[in-house]
N, C-alpha and C. Protein backbone atom coordinates (compact mmCIF):
# COMPACT_ATOMS: atom_id res chain seq x y z
N MET A 1 0.85 -1.19 0.00
CA MET A 1 0.00 0.00 0.00
C MET A 1 0.89 1.24 0.00
N ARG A 2 0.60 2.16 -0.92
CA ARG A 2 1.44 3.35 -1.03
C ARG A 2 0.58 4.62 -1.09
N PHE A 3 1.21 5.72 -0.69
CA PHE A 3 0.60 7.04 -0.76
C PHE A 3 1.46 7.91 -1.66
N ARG A 4 0.81 8.73 -2.48
CA ARG A 4 1.56 9.65 -3.34
C ARG A 4 0.65 10.76 -3.83
N HIS A 5 1.26 11.80 -4.40
CA HIS A 5 0.55 12.85 -5.11
C HIS A 5 0.66 12.58 -6.61
N HIS A 6 -0.46 12.69 -7.30
CA HIS A 6 -0.46 12.50 -8.74
C HIS A 6 0.45 13.54 -9.40
N ASP A 7 1.06 13.16 -10.50
CA ASP A 7 1.97 14.08 -11.19
C ASP A 7 1.26 15.37 -11.58
N ASP A 8 -0.03 15.30 -11.93
CA ASP A 8 -0.76 16.51 -12.32
C ASP A 8 -0.86 17.50 -11.16
N ILE A 9 -0.97 17.00 -9.94
CA ILE A 9 -1.05 17.88 -8.78
C ILE A 9 0.28 18.59 -8.58
N ARG A 10 1.36 17.86 -8.72
CA ARG A 10 2.67 18.50 -8.57
C ARG A 10 2.96 19.45 -9.72
N ARG A 11 2.41 19.17 -10.89
CA ARG A 11 2.57 20.11 -12.02
C ARG A 11 1.80 21.39 -11.79
N ASP A 12 0.54 21.24 -11.32
CA ASP A 12 -0.32 22.41 -11.14
C ASP A 12 0.03 23.22 -9.90
N PHE A 13 0.66 22.58 -8.92
CA PHE A 13 1.04 23.26 -7.67
C PHE A 13 2.52 22.98 -7.40
N PRO A 14 3.39 23.62 -8.18
CA PRO A 14 4.83 23.31 -8.10
C PRO A 14 5.46 23.65 -6.76
N GLY A 15 4.81 24.49 -5.96
CA GLY A 15 5.35 24.82 -4.64
C GLY A 15 4.99 23.83 -3.56
N LEU A 16 4.29 22.75 -3.92
CA LEU A 16 3.83 21.79 -2.92
C LEU A 16 4.99 21.14 -2.18
N ALA A 17 4.90 21.16 -0.86
CA ALA A 17 5.81 20.42 0.01
C ALA A 17 4.94 19.52 0.87
N ALA A 18 5.35 18.27 1.05
CA ALA A 18 4.52 17.32 1.79
C ALA A 18 5.38 16.39 2.62
N GLY A 19 4.80 15.94 3.72
CA GLY A 19 5.44 14.96 4.57
C GLY A 19 4.45 13.89 4.96
N ALA A 20 4.94 12.68 5.18
CA ALA A 20 4.07 11.57 5.57
C ALA A 20 4.72 10.79 6.71
N LEU A 21 3.87 10.30 7.61
CA LEU A 21 4.34 9.53 8.75
C LEU A 21 3.43 8.32 8.94
N LEU A 22 3.99 7.22 9.42
CA LEU A 22 3.22 6.05 9.77
C LEU A 22 3.32 5.86 11.28
N VAL A 23 2.17 5.79 11.93
CA VAL A 23 2.10 5.68 13.39
C VAL A 23 1.33 4.42 13.74
N THR A 24 1.90 3.58 14.60
CA THR A 24 1.27 2.30 14.93
C THR A 24 0.68 2.24 16.33
N ALA A 25 0.79 3.31 17.07
CA ALA A 25 0.17 3.36 18.40
C ALA A 25 -0.09 4.81 18.77
N PRO A 26 -1.27 5.13 19.29
CA PRO A 26 -1.55 6.52 19.69
C PRO A 26 -0.74 6.90 20.91
N PRO A 27 -0.42 8.18 21.09
CA PRO A 27 0.30 8.60 22.30
C PRO A 27 -0.59 8.45 23.53
N VAL A 28 0.03 8.24 24.67
CA VAL A 28 -0.76 8.16 25.90
C VAL A 28 -1.36 9.54 26.17
N PRO A 29 -2.55 9.59 26.76
CA PRO A 29 -3.23 10.89 26.93
C PRO A 29 -2.40 11.95 27.63
N ALA A 30 -1.66 11.57 28.67
CA ALA A 30 -0.89 12.56 29.42
C ALA A 30 0.19 13.19 28.53
N HIS A 31 0.87 12.37 27.75
CA HIS A 31 1.91 12.89 26.85
C HIS A 31 1.27 13.75 25.77
N ALA A 32 0.15 13.28 25.23
CA ALA A 32 -0.54 14.06 24.20
C ALA A 32 -0.94 15.43 24.74
N ALA A 33 -1.43 15.48 25.96
CA ALA A 33 -1.85 16.75 26.55
C ALA A 33 -0.69 17.72 26.67
N GLU A 34 0.50 17.22 27.01
CA GLU A 34 1.69 18.07 27.11
C GLU A 34 2.05 18.65 25.75
N VAL A 35 2.03 17.79 24.74
CA VAL A 35 2.36 18.25 23.38
C VAL A 35 1.34 19.27 22.90
N VAL A 36 0.08 18.99 23.13
CA VAL A 36 -0.99 19.91 22.70
C VAL A 36 -0.82 21.27 23.36
N ALA A 37 -0.57 21.28 24.66
CA ALA A 37 -0.42 22.54 25.37
C ALA A 37 0.74 23.36 24.80
N ARG A 38 1.85 22.70 24.51
CA ARG A 38 3.03 23.39 24.00
C ARG A 38 2.78 23.94 22.59
N GLN A 39 2.16 23.13 21.74
CA GLN A 39 1.92 23.56 20.36
C GLN A 39 0.85 24.65 20.29
N LEU A 40 -0.17 24.55 21.11
CA LEU A 40 -1.20 25.58 21.09
C LEU A 40 -0.69 26.91 21.64
N ALA A 41 0.27 26.84 22.55
CA ALA A 41 0.88 28.07 23.03
C ALA A 41 1.58 28.80 21.88
N THR A 42 2.24 28.03 21.03
CA THR A 42 2.88 28.62 19.85
C THR A 42 1.84 29.23 18.91
N ALA A 43 0.75 28.51 18.71
CA ALA A 43 -0.31 29.02 17.83
C ALA A 43 -0.91 30.30 18.39
N ARG A 44 -1.12 30.36 19.69
CA ARG A 44 -1.70 31.56 20.31
C ARG A 44 -0.75 32.75 20.17
N GLU A 45 0.54 32.52 20.28
CA GLU A 45 1.51 33.60 20.10
C GLU A 45 1.42 34.17 18.69
N ARG A 46 1.28 33.29 17.72
CA ARG A 46 1.17 33.77 16.35
C ARG A 46 -0.13 34.55 16.16
N LEU A 47 -1.22 34.06 16.72
CA LEU A 47 -2.50 34.76 16.59
C LEU A 47 -2.50 36.10 17.31
N ALA A 48 -1.72 36.22 18.36
CA ALA A 48 -1.65 37.48 19.09
C ALA A 48 -1.00 38.56 18.24
N ALA A 49 -0.17 38.13 17.28
CA ALA A 49 0.51 39.10 16.40
C ALA A 49 -0.33 39.49 15.20
N GLY A 50 -1.41 38.74 14.94
CA GLY A 50 -2.27 39.06 13.80
C GLY A 50 -3.15 37.88 13.47
N PRO A 51 -4.27 38.11 12.78
CA PRO A 51 -5.21 37.03 12.46
C PRO A 51 -4.62 36.02 11.48
N GLU A 52 -5.19 34.83 11.50
CA GLU A 52 -4.68 33.73 10.68
C GLU A 52 -4.71 34.04 9.19
N GLY A 53 -5.62 34.89 8.76
CA GLY A 53 -5.69 35.23 7.35
C GLY A 53 -4.46 35.94 6.83
N GLN A 54 -3.64 36.48 7.74
CA GLN A 54 -2.41 37.16 7.35
C GLN A 54 -1.21 36.21 7.29
N PHE A 55 -1.37 34.99 7.77
CA PHE A 55 -0.26 34.05 7.78
C PHE A 55 0.07 33.65 6.34
N PRO A 56 1.33 33.61 5.96
CA PRO A 56 1.69 33.21 4.59
C PRO A 56 1.25 31.79 4.26
N GLU A 57 1.25 30.91 5.27
CA GLU A 57 0.82 29.53 5.03
C GLU A 57 -0.65 29.48 4.61
N ILE A 58 -1.47 30.29 5.28
CA ILE A 58 -2.90 30.33 4.99
C ILE A 58 -3.16 31.04 3.67
N GLN A 59 -2.45 32.12 3.42
CA GLN A 59 -2.64 32.86 2.17
C GLN A 59 -2.32 31.98 0.96
N ALA A 60 -1.31 31.12 1.10
CA ALA A 60 -0.95 30.23 -0.01
C ALA A 60 -2.07 29.24 -0.30
N TRP A 61 -2.71 28.71 0.74
CA TRP A 61 -3.82 27.79 0.53
C TRP A 61 -5.05 28.53 -0.02
N ARG A 62 -5.24 29.77 0.39
CA ARG A 62 -6.36 30.53 -0.17
C ARG A 62 -6.16 30.73 -1.67
N ARG A 63 -4.93 31.00 -2.09
CA ARG A 63 -4.65 31.16 -3.51
C ARG A 63 -4.90 29.84 -4.25
N ALA A 64 -4.52 28.73 -3.63
CA ALA A 64 -4.73 27.42 -4.25
C ALA A 64 -6.21 27.13 -4.39
N PHE A 65 -6.99 27.43 -3.36
CA PHE A 65 -8.43 27.19 -3.44
C PHE A 65 -9.06 28.05 -4.54
N THR A 66 -8.60 29.30 -4.65
CA THR A 66 -9.10 30.18 -5.71
C THR A 66 -8.75 29.60 -7.08
N ALA A 67 -7.53 29.07 -7.22
CA ALA A 67 -7.11 28.47 -8.48
C ALA A 67 -7.94 27.23 -8.81
N MET A 68 -8.48 26.57 -7.78
CA MET A 68 -9.32 25.40 -8.00
C MET A 68 -10.79 25.77 -8.23
N GLY A 69 -11.07 27.09 -8.29
CA GLY A 69 -12.42 27.55 -8.54
C GLY A 69 -13.29 27.61 -7.30
N LEU A 70 -12.67 27.63 -6.13
CA LEU A 70 -13.40 27.66 -4.87
C LEU A 70 -13.30 29.05 -4.25
N ARG A 71 -14.35 29.46 -3.57
CA ARG A 71 -14.32 30.73 -2.85
C ARG A 71 -13.57 30.50 -1.55
N ALA A 72 -12.40 31.12 -1.43
CA ALA A 72 -11.49 30.83 -0.32
C ALA A 72 -12.06 31.21 1.04
N THR A 73 -12.99 32.15 1.10
CA THR A 73 -13.57 32.54 2.38
C THR A 73 -14.77 31.66 2.75
N ARG A 74 -15.18 30.79 1.84
CA ARG A 74 -16.23 29.82 2.15
C ARG A 74 -15.65 28.45 2.46
N TYR A 75 -14.68 28.05 1.63
CA TYR A 75 -14.01 26.77 1.84
C TYR A 75 -12.59 27.06 2.31
N ARG A 76 -12.30 26.65 3.51
CA ARG A 76 -11.01 26.96 4.12
C ARG A 76 -10.21 25.68 4.33
N CYS A 77 -8.91 25.78 4.23
CA CYS A 77 -8.08 24.61 4.54
C CYS A 77 -8.21 24.29 6.02
N ALA A 78 -7.87 23.04 6.37
CA ALA A 78 -8.09 22.56 7.73
C ALA A 78 -7.36 23.38 8.78
N SER A 79 -6.14 23.80 8.48
CA SER A 79 -5.38 24.55 9.49
C SER A 79 -5.99 25.93 9.72
N GLU A 80 -6.53 26.55 8.68
CA GLU A 80 -7.20 27.84 8.88
C GLU A 80 -8.44 27.67 9.75
N SER A 81 -9.20 26.61 9.53
CA SER A 81 -10.39 26.36 10.35
C SER A 81 -10.02 26.15 11.81
N LEU A 82 -8.93 25.42 12.04
CA LEU A 82 -8.48 25.20 13.42
C LEU A 82 -8.06 26.51 14.08
N LEU A 83 -7.32 27.34 13.35
CA LEU A 83 -6.87 28.60 13.91
C LEU A 83 -8.03 29.55 14.17
N ARG A 84 -9.01 29.56 13.32
CA ARG A 84 -10.21 30.38 13.55
C ARG A 84 -10.92 29.94 14.83
N ARG A 85 -11.01 28.64 15.01
CA ARG A 85 -11.68 28.12 16.20
C ARG A 85 -10.86 28.43 17.45
N LEU A 86 -9.55 28.29 17.36
CA LEU A 86 -8.70 28.59 18.50
C LEU A 86 -8.79 30.07 18.87
N ARG A 87 -8.81 30.93 17.87
CA ARG A 87 -8.92 32.37 18.14
C ARG A 87 -10.27 32.71 18.77
N ARG A 88 -11.31 32.03 18.34
CA ARG A 88 -12.65 32.30 18.84
C ARG A 88 -12.89 31.72 20.23
N ASP A 89 -12.49 30.45 20.42
CA ASP A 89 -12.82 29.73 21.65
C ASP A 89 -11.68 29.65 22.66
N GLY A 90 -10.47 29.91 22.22
CA GLY A 90 -9.33 29.82 23.12
C GLY A 90 -8.76 28.43 23.27
N GLU A 91 -9.47 27.41 22.80
CA GLU A 91 -9.05 26.02 22.87
C GLU A 91 -9.52 25.29 21.62
N LEU A 92 -9.00 24.07 21.45
CA LEU A 92 -9.51 23.18 20.42
C LEU A 92 -10.19 22.00 21.09
N PRO A 93 -11.21 21.43 20.47
CA PRO A 93 -11.91 20.31 21.10
C PRO A 93 -11.01 19.08 21.23
N THR A 94 -11.25 18.30 22.25
CA THR A 94 -10.53 17.04 22.44
C THR A 94 -11.27 15.94 21.69
N VAL A 95 -10.55 15.24 20.82
CA VAL A 95 -11.16 14.21 19.98
C VAL A 95 -10.59 12.83 20.28
N HIS A 96 -9.27 12.72 20.17
CA HIS A 96 -8.52 11.47 20.32
C HIS A 96 -7.07 11.90 20.49
N PRO A 97 -6.28 11.24 21.34
CA PRO A 97 -4.91 11.72 21.59
C PRO A 97 -4.10 11.97 20.32
N LEU A 98 -4.20 11.06 19.34
CA LEU A 98 -3.44 11.24 18.11
C LEU A 98 -3.97 12.43 17.31
N VAL A 99 -5.28 12.53 17.18
CA VAL A 99 -5.88 13.64 16.45
C VAL A 99 -5.61 14.96 17.15
N ASP A 100 -5.68 14.96 18.48
CA ASP A 100 -5.43 16.20 19.22
C ASP A 100 -4.02 16.72 18.97
N VAL A 101 -3.05 15.81 18.95
CA VAL A 101 -1.66 16.22 18.68
C VAL A 101 -1.55 16.76 17.25
N CYS A 102 -2.13 16.06 16.29
CA CYS A 102 -2.07 16.51 14.90
C CYS A 102 -2.72 17.88 14.74
N ASN A 103 -3.85 18.09 15.38
CA ASN A 103 -4.53 19.38 15.28
C ASN A 103 -3.71 20.50 15.90
N ALA A 104 -3.10 20.23 17.04
CA ALA A 104 -2.31 21.26 17.71
C ALA A 104 -1.07 21.62 16.89
N VAL A 105 -0.41 20.62 16.33
CA VAL A 105 0.77 20.88 15.49
C VAL A 105 0.33 21.62 14.22
N SER A 106 -0.81 21.23 13.66
CA SER A 106 -1.33 21.92 12.49
C SER A 106 -1.57 23.40 12.79
N ALA A 107 -2.15 23.70 13.95
CA ALA A 107 -2.40 25.09 14.33
C ALA A 107 -1.10 25.85 14.54
N ALA A 108 -0.13 25.21 15.18
CA ALA A 108 1.15 25.87 15.47
C ALA A 108 1.90 26.24 14.19
N PHE A 109 1.85 25.34 13.20
CA PHE A 109 2.57 25.57 11.95
C PHE A 109 1.68 26.22 10.88
N ALA A 110 0.36 26.28 11.14
CA ALA A 110 -0.62 26.80 10.17
C ALA A 110 -0.59 26.00 8.88
N ILE A 111 -0.33 24.69 9.00
CA ILE A 111 -0.22 23.78 7.87
C ILE A 111 -1.23 22.65 8.06
N PRO A 112 -2.03 22.33 7.05
CA PRO A 112 -2.99 21.23 7.19
C PRO A 112 -2.31 19.90 7.46
N VAL A 113 -2.86 19.15 8.40
CA VAL A 113 -2.37 17.82 8.75
C VAL A 113 -3.56 16.86 8.76
N ALA A 114 -3.48 15.81 7.97
CA ALA A 114 -4.54 14.80 7.92
C ALA A 114 -4.09 13.55 8.64
N ALA A 115 -5.00 12.93 9.38
CA ALA A 115 -4.74 11.66 10.06
C ALA A 115 -5.77 10.65 9.59
N LEU A 116 -5.33 9.56 8.98
CA LEU A 116 -6.23 8.58 8.40
C LEU A 116 -5.98 7.19 8.97
N ASP A 117 -7.05 6.48 9.26
CA ASP A 117 -6.98 5.10 9.73
C ASP A 117 -6.62 4.21 8.54
N VAL A 118 -5.43 3.61 8.57
CA VAL A 118 -4.95 2.82 7.44
C VAL A 118 -5.87 1.65 7.13
N ALA A 119 -6.48 1.05 8.15
CA ALA A 119 -7.36 -0.09 7.94
C ALA A 119 -8.58 0.25 7.11
N ARG A 120 -8.90 1.54 7.01
CA ARG A 120 -10.08 1.99 6.26
C ARG A 120 -9.73 2.47 4.86
N ILE A 121 -8.48 2.32 4.46
CA ILE A 121 -8.04 2.70 3.12
C ILE A 121 -7.97 1.43 2.27
N ASP A 122 -8.60 1.46 1.10
CA ASP A 122 -8.67 0.29 0.23
C ASP A 122 -7.63 0.41 -0.87
N GLY A 123 -6.51 -0.27 -0.68
CA GLY A 123 -5.44 -0.22 -1.67
C GLY A 123 -4.59 1.02 -1.54
N ASP A 124 -4.00 1.46 -2.65
CA ASP A 124 -3.14 2.64 -2.65
C ASP A 124 -3.99 3.91 -2.47
N LEU A 125 -3.32 4.96 -1.99
CA LEU A 125 -3.99 6.25 -1.76
C LEU A 125 -3.24 7.32 -2.53
N GLU A 126 -3.98 8.13 -3.29
CA GLU A 126 -3.36 9.15 -4.13
C GLU A 126 -4.12 10.46 -4.04
N VAL A 127 -3.38 11.54 -3.92
CA VAL A 127 -3.99 12.87 -4.02
C VAL A 127 -4.08 13.19 -5.50
N ARG A 128 -5.31 13.26 -6.00
CA ARG A 128 -5.52 13.47 -7.44
C ARG A 128 -6.86 14.16 -7.67
N ARG A 129 -7.11 14.51 -8.90
CA ARG A 129 -8.40 15.10 -9.26
C ARG A 129 -9.45 14.01 -9.40
N ALA A 130 -10.62 14.26 -8.85
CA ALA A 130 -11.69 13.27 -8.86
C ALA A 130 -12.28 13.09 -10.25
N THR A 131 -12.81 11.90 -10.49
CA THR A 131 -13.55 11.63 -11.72
C THR A 131 -15.03 11.97 -11.53
N GLY A 132 -15.46 12.06 -10.27
CA GLY A 132 -16.87 12.29 -9.97
C GLY A 132 -17.60 11.03 -9.55
N THR A 133 -16.92 9.89 -9.64
CA THR A 133 -17.55 8.61 -9.26
C THR A 133 -17.14 8.16 -7.86
N GLU A 134 -16.17 8.82 -7.26
CA GLU A 134 -15.68 8.40 -5.95
C GLU A 134 -16.76 8.59 -4.88
N ASN A 135 -16.72 7.75 -3.86
CA ASN A 135 -17.66 7.83 -2.75
C ASN A 135 -17.01 8.47 -1.54
N TYR A 136 -17.66 9.49 -1.02
CA TYR A 136 -17.18 10.21 0.17
C TYR A 136 -18.22 10.06 1.28
N LEU A 137 -17.79 9.63 2.44
CA LEU A 137 -18.67 9.45 3.59
C LEU A 137 -18.47 10.61 4.56
N THR A 138 -19.54 11.35 4.85
CA THR A 138 -19.44 12.46 5.81
C THR A 138 -19.42 11.91 7.22
N PHE A 139 -19.10 12.76 8.18
CA PHE A 139 -19.11 12.34 9.58
C PHE A 139 -20.53 12.09 10.07
N ALA A 140 -21.51 12.63 9.37
CA ALA A 140 -22.92 12.39 9.71
C ALA A 140 -23.45 11.10 9.10
N GLY A 141 -22.62 10.44 8.27
CA GLY A 141 -23.04 9.20 7.66
C GLY A 141 -23.64 9.33 6.28
N ASP A 142 -23.66 10.55 5.73
CA ASP A 142 -24.19 10.76 4.38
C ASP A 142 -23.11 10.48 3.34
N ARG A 143 -23.54 10.09 2.16
CA ARG A 143 -22.60 9.81 1.08
C ARG A 143 -22.65 10.92 0.03
N GLU A 144 -21.49 11.35 -0.41
CA GLU A 144 -21.37 12.39 -1.42
C GLU A 144 -20.41 11.91 -2.52
N HIS A 145 -20.42 12.63 -3.62
CA HIS A 145 -19.46 12.38 -4.69
C HIS A 145 -18.71 13.68 -4.98
N PRO A 146 -17.39 13.70 -4.81
CA PRO A 146 -16.65 14.91 -5.18
C PRO A 146 -16.93 15.27 -6.64
N ALA A 147 -16.94 16.55 -6.92
CA ALA A 147 -17.18 17.01 -8.28
C ALA A 147 -16.02 16.59 -9.19
N PRO A 148 -16.28 16.29 -10.44
CA PRO A 148 -15.19 15.97 -11.36
C PRO A 148 -14.15 17.10 -11.37
N GLY A 149 -12.91 16.72 -11.23
CA GLY A 149 -11.83 17.70 -11.19
C GLY A 149 -11.46 18.18 -9.81
N GLU A 150 -12.32 17.91 -8.83
CA GLU A 150 -12.02 18.31 -7.45
C GLU A 150 -10.84 17.51 -6.92
N VAL A 151 -9.93 18.13 -6.22
CA VAL A 151 -8.78 17.43 -5.66
C VAL A 151 -9.22 16.67 -4.41
N THR A 152 -8.88 15.40 -4.36
CA THR A 152 -9.27 14.56 -3.24
C THR A 152 -8.18 13.54 -2.93
N PHE A 153 -8.29 12.87 -1.81
CA PHE A 153 -7.47 11.71 -1.47
C PHE A 153 -8.28 10.49 -1.92
N ALA A 154 -7.92 9.85 -3.00
CA ALA A 154 -8.70 8.73 -3.54
C ALA A 154 -7.92 7.43 -3.41
N ASP A 155 -8.62 6.37 -2.97
CA ASP A 155 -7.95 5.08 -2.89
C ASP A 155 -8.34 4.21 -4.08
N THR A 156 -7.69 3.06 -4.18
CA THR A 156 -7.91 2.17 -5.31
C THR A 156 -9.35 1.68 -5.37
N GLY A 157 -9.99 1.56 -4.21
CA GLY A 157 -11.36 1.07 -4.16
C GLY A 157 -12.42 2.09 -4.52
N GLY A 158 -12.02 3.31 -4.89
CA GLY A 158 -12.98 4.33 -5.29
C GLY A 158 -13.51 5.17 -4.15
N ASN A 159 -12.87 5.12 -3.00
CA ASN A 159 -13.29 5.95 -1.86
C ASN A 159 -12.54 7.28 -1.89
N ALA A 160 -13.25 8.35 -1.61
CA ALA A 160 -12.65 9.68 -1.47
C ALA A 160 -12.51 9.96 0.02
N HIS A 161 -11.29 10.21 0.45
CA HIS A 161 -11.04 10.41 1.88
C HIS A 161 -10.91 11.89 2.23
N ALA A 162 -11.23 12.77 1.30
CA ALA A 162 -11.22 14.21 1.57
C ALA A 162 -12.09 14.91 0.54
N ARG A 163 -12.60 16.07 0.89
CA ARG A 163 -13.27 16.97 -0.05
C ARG A 163 -12.41 18.22 -0.18
N ARG A 164 -12.30 18.69 -1.42
CA ARG A 164 -11.59 19.94 -1.72
C ARG A 164 -10.19 19.93 -1.11
N TRP A 165 -9.51 18.84 -1.31
CA TRP A 165 -8.12 18.63 -0.93
C TRP A 165 -7.94 18.70 0.58
N THR A 166 -7.71 19.88 1.13
CA THR A 166 -7.43 20.00 2.56
C THR A 166 -8.58 20.66 3.32
N ASN A 167 -9.76 20.68 2.71
CA ASN A 167 -10.89 21.36 3.34
C ASN A 167 -11.59 20.49 4.38
N ARG A 168 -11.85 19.21 4.02
CA ARG A 168 -12.65 18.37 4.91
C ARG A 168 -12.28 16.90 4.71
N GLN A 169 -11.99 16.20 5.80
CA GLN A 169 -11.68 14.78 5.74
C GLN A 169 -12.96 13.95 5.76
N SER A 170 -12.79 12.66 5.44
CA SER A 170 -13.92 11.73 5.40
C SER A 170 -14.12 11.05 6.75
N GLY A 171 -15.38 10.75 7.05
CA GLY A 171 -15.67 9.98 8.24
C GLY A 171 -15.25 8.53 8.10
N LEU A 172 -15.08 8.06 6.86
CA LEU A 172 -14.72 6.67 6.63
C LEU A 172 -13.39 6.31 7.28
N SER A 173 -12.39 7.15 7.08
CA SER A 173 -11.04 6.84 7.57
C SER A 173 -10.65 7.68 8.78
N ALA A 174 -11.63 8.27 9.45
CA ALA A 174 -11.33 9.07 10.64
C ALA A 174 -10.71 8.19 11.73
N VAL A 175 -9.74 8.71 12.42
CA VAL A 175 -9.11 7.99 13.53
C VAL A 175 -10.11 7.84 14.66
N SER A 176 -10.16 6.63 15.23
CA SER A 176 -11.10 6.30 16.30
C SER A 176 -10.38 5.50 17.38
N PRO A 177 -11.05 5.19 18.50
CA PRO A 177 -10.41 4.37 19.53
C PRO A 177 -9.94 3.01 19.01
N GLY A 178 -10.54 2.52 17.92
CA GLY A 178 -10.15 1.23 17.38
C GLY A 178 -9.00 1.29 16.39
N THR A 179 -8.51 2.49 16.09
CA THR A 179 -7.42 2.64 15.13
C THR A 179 -6.13 2.06 15.67
N THR A 180 -5.48 1.22 14.88
CA THR A 180 -4.19 0.65 15.29
C THR A 180 -3.02 1.21 14.49
N THR A 181 -3.28 1.64 13.26
CA THR A 181 -2.23 2.21 12.42
C THR A 181 -2.80 3.42 11.69
N ALA A 182 -2.06 4.52 11.73
CA ALA A 182 -2.53 5.76 11.11
C ALA A 182 -1.49 6.31 10.15
N LEU A 183 -1.99 6.85 9.04
CA LEU A 183 -1.16 7.60 8.10
C LEU A 183 -1.38 9.08 8.37
N ILE A 184 -0.30 9.80 8.59
CA ILE A 184 -0.36 11.24 8.83
C ILE A 184 0.25 11.94 7.62
N VAL A 185 -0.48 12.91 7.06
CA VAL A 185 0.00 13.64 5.89
C VAL A 185 -0.08 15.14 6.17
N ALA A 186 1.01 15.84 5.92
CA ALA A 186 1.05 17.30 6.05
C ALA A 186 1.41 17.89 4.69
N GLU A 187 0.72 18.99 4.31
CA GLU A 187 0.94 19.59 2.99
C GLU A 187 0.96 21.11 3.10
N ALA A 188 1.91 21.71 2.41
CA ALA A 188 2.05 23.17 2.45
C ALA A 188 2.42 23.69 1.08
N LEU A 189 2.11 24.97 0.83
CA LEU A 189 2.32 25.58 -0.48
C LEU A 189 3.08 26.91 -0.42
N HIS A 190 3.34 27.41 0.77
CA HIS A 190 3.92 28.75 0.89
C HIS A 190 5.43 28.74 0.64
N GLU A 191 5.98 29.92 0.44
CA GLU A 191 7.42 30.05 0.29
C GLU A 191 8.10 29.59 1.58
N GLY A 192 9.10 28.74 1.45
CA GLY A 192 9.76 28.18 2.63
C GLY A 192 9.07 26.94 3.17
N ALA A 193 8.11 26.40 2.41
CA ALA A 193 7.34 25.25 2.89
C ALA A 193 8.20 24.01 3.10
N ASP A 194 9.22 23.82 2.28
CA ASP A 194 10.05 22.63 2.43
C ASP A 194 10.67 22.56 3.82
N ALA A 195 11.22 23.67 4.28
CA ALA A 195 11.85 23.68 5.61
C ALA A 195 10.81 23.51 6.70
N ASP A 196 9.64 24.12 6.53
CA ASP A 196 8.60 24.02 7.55
C ASP A 196 8.03 22.61 7.62
N ILE A 197 7.87 21.95 6.48
CA ILE A 197 7.39 20.56 6.48
C ILE A 197 8.40 19.66 7.16
N THR A 198 9.68 19.91 6.95
CA THR A 198 10.71 19.11 7.63
C THR A 198 10.61 19.29 9.14
N ARG A 199 10.41 20.51 9.59
CA ARG A 199 10.29 20.76 11.03
C ARG A 199 9.00 20.17 11.58
N LEU A 200 7.92 20.29 10.83
CA LEU A 200 6.63 19.77 11.28
C LEU A 200 6.67 18.25 11.40
N THR A 201 7.20 17.57 10.40
CA THR A 201 7.23 16.11 10.46
C THR A 201 8.13 15.64 11.61
N ALA A 202 9.20 16.37 11.87
CA ALA A 202 10.06 16.00 13.00
C ALA A 202 9.32 16.16 14.32
N ALA A 203 8.54 17.24 14.43
CA ALA A 203 7.76 17.46 15.66
C ALA A 203 6.72 16.37 15.84
N LEU A 204 6.03 16.00 14.77
CA LEU A 204 5.03 14.94 14.87
C LEU A 204 5.67 13.59 15.15
N ALA A 205 6.80 13.31 14.51
CA ALA A 205 7.47 12.03 14.73
C ALA A 205 7.87 11.86 16.18
N GLY A 206 8.39 12.94 16.78
CA GLY A 206 8.77 12.86 18.18
C GLY A 206 7.58 12.72 19.10
N ALA A 207 6.50 13.39 18.77
CA ALA A 207 5.32 13.36 19.63
C ALA A 207 4.54 12.06 19.51
N LEU A 208 4.54 11.47 18.32
CA LEU A 208 3.70 10.30 18.05
C LEU A 208 4.47 8.99 17.99
N GLY A 209 5.81 9.06 18.04
CA GLY A 209 6.59 7.84 17.95
C GLY A 209 6.42 7.15 16.60
N ALA A 210 6.46 7.93 15.53
CA ALA A 210 6.25 7.39 14.19
C ALA A 210 7.28 6.32 13.85
N VAL A 211 6.83 5.26 13.19
CA VAL A 211 7.74 4.19 12.80
C VAL A 211 8.36 4.44 11.43
N ARG A 212 7.78 5.36 10.67
CA ARG A 212 8.34 5.73 9.38
C ARG A 212 7.98 7.17 9.09
N VAL A 213 8.97 7.93 8.61
CA VAL A 213 8.76 9.35 8.33
C VAL A 213 9.43 9.68 7.00
N SER A 214 8.77 10.48 6.18
CA SER A 214 9.37 10.86 4.91
C SER A 214 8.88 12.23 4.48
N VAL A 215 9.80 13.03 3.95
CA VAL A 215 9.44 14.27 3.27
C VAL A 215 9.35 13.93 1.79
N LEU A 216 8.18 14.14 1.19
CA LEU A 216 7.94 13.73 -0.18
C LEU A 216 8.35 14.83 -1.15
N THR A 217 8.93 14.43 -2.26
CA THR A 217 9.40 15.38 -3.26
C THR A 217 8.93 14.93 -4.65
N ARG A 218 9.13 15.79 -5.62
CA ARG A 218 8.79 15.44 -7.00
C ARG A 218 9.61 14.22 -7.43
N GLU A 219 10.86 14.14 -7.00
CA GLU A 219 11.73 13.03 -7.38
C GLU A 219 11.41 11.77 -6.59
N ALA A 220 10.91 11.90 -5.37
CA ALA A 220 10.56 10.77 -4.53
C ALA A 220 9.18 11.02 -3.93
N PRO A 221 8.12 10.85 -4.77
CA PRO A 221 6.78 11.25 -4.33
C PRO A 221 6.03 10.20 -3.54
N GLY A 222 6.54 8.96 -3.46
CA GLY A 222 5.80 7.88 -2.84
C GLY A 222 6.18 7.59 -1.41
N PHE A 223 5.22 7.08 -0.67
CA PHE A 223 5.44 6.70 0.74
C PHE A 223 4.79 5.35 0.96
N THR A 224 5.56 4.38 1.43
CA THR A 224 5.03 3.04 1.69
C THR A 224 4.31 3.02 3.03
N ILE A 225 3.05 2.60 2.98
CA ILE A 225 2.23 2.53 4.20
C ILE A 225 2.41 1.14 4.83
């Protein structure tokens, strides 16, 4: 089982920097809470200096969404949504130790981070443009089909594990108490993204005890799950 970005995505978004991690056990709650507190403190410091819409990481994703024909103020990347919630509520909701760590690191770096249950992925997983036939399961249990051309995480079995690339993950592969192995993917488009993805993946690897970590490039775009 492998993860990669389709060549067309790397062609259309040449500034893409991505990292992938394989995690086989969630962090213990106490350790996760320490990591979350530290990362959210960093996120709050950044927000104190200005709103998330001014962050270069967020602005780059807004430009990408606009290029995909989406209204960037209606459809936001996951890290922007987390930062908006943190600015509004002062905290992020507690979901699962692994997800909580990923969300906190995502907020601190302002970079979208996806966490997927590997057991719920059918075959290889690729970030590519949808054909319109893929099946997407919402967290409410409803089924949708990404629009043709929409960027999604699609597996060999025809499942879409995201809508609008980094906007919304699928309920199908959401991490749960029964998750034993998770694929973590971080993606960035801003200037300096390569260095930031390297730092982000290192932070996640240390916090989650990842068994495999890779920074993906055009020359080495694949990651073995």
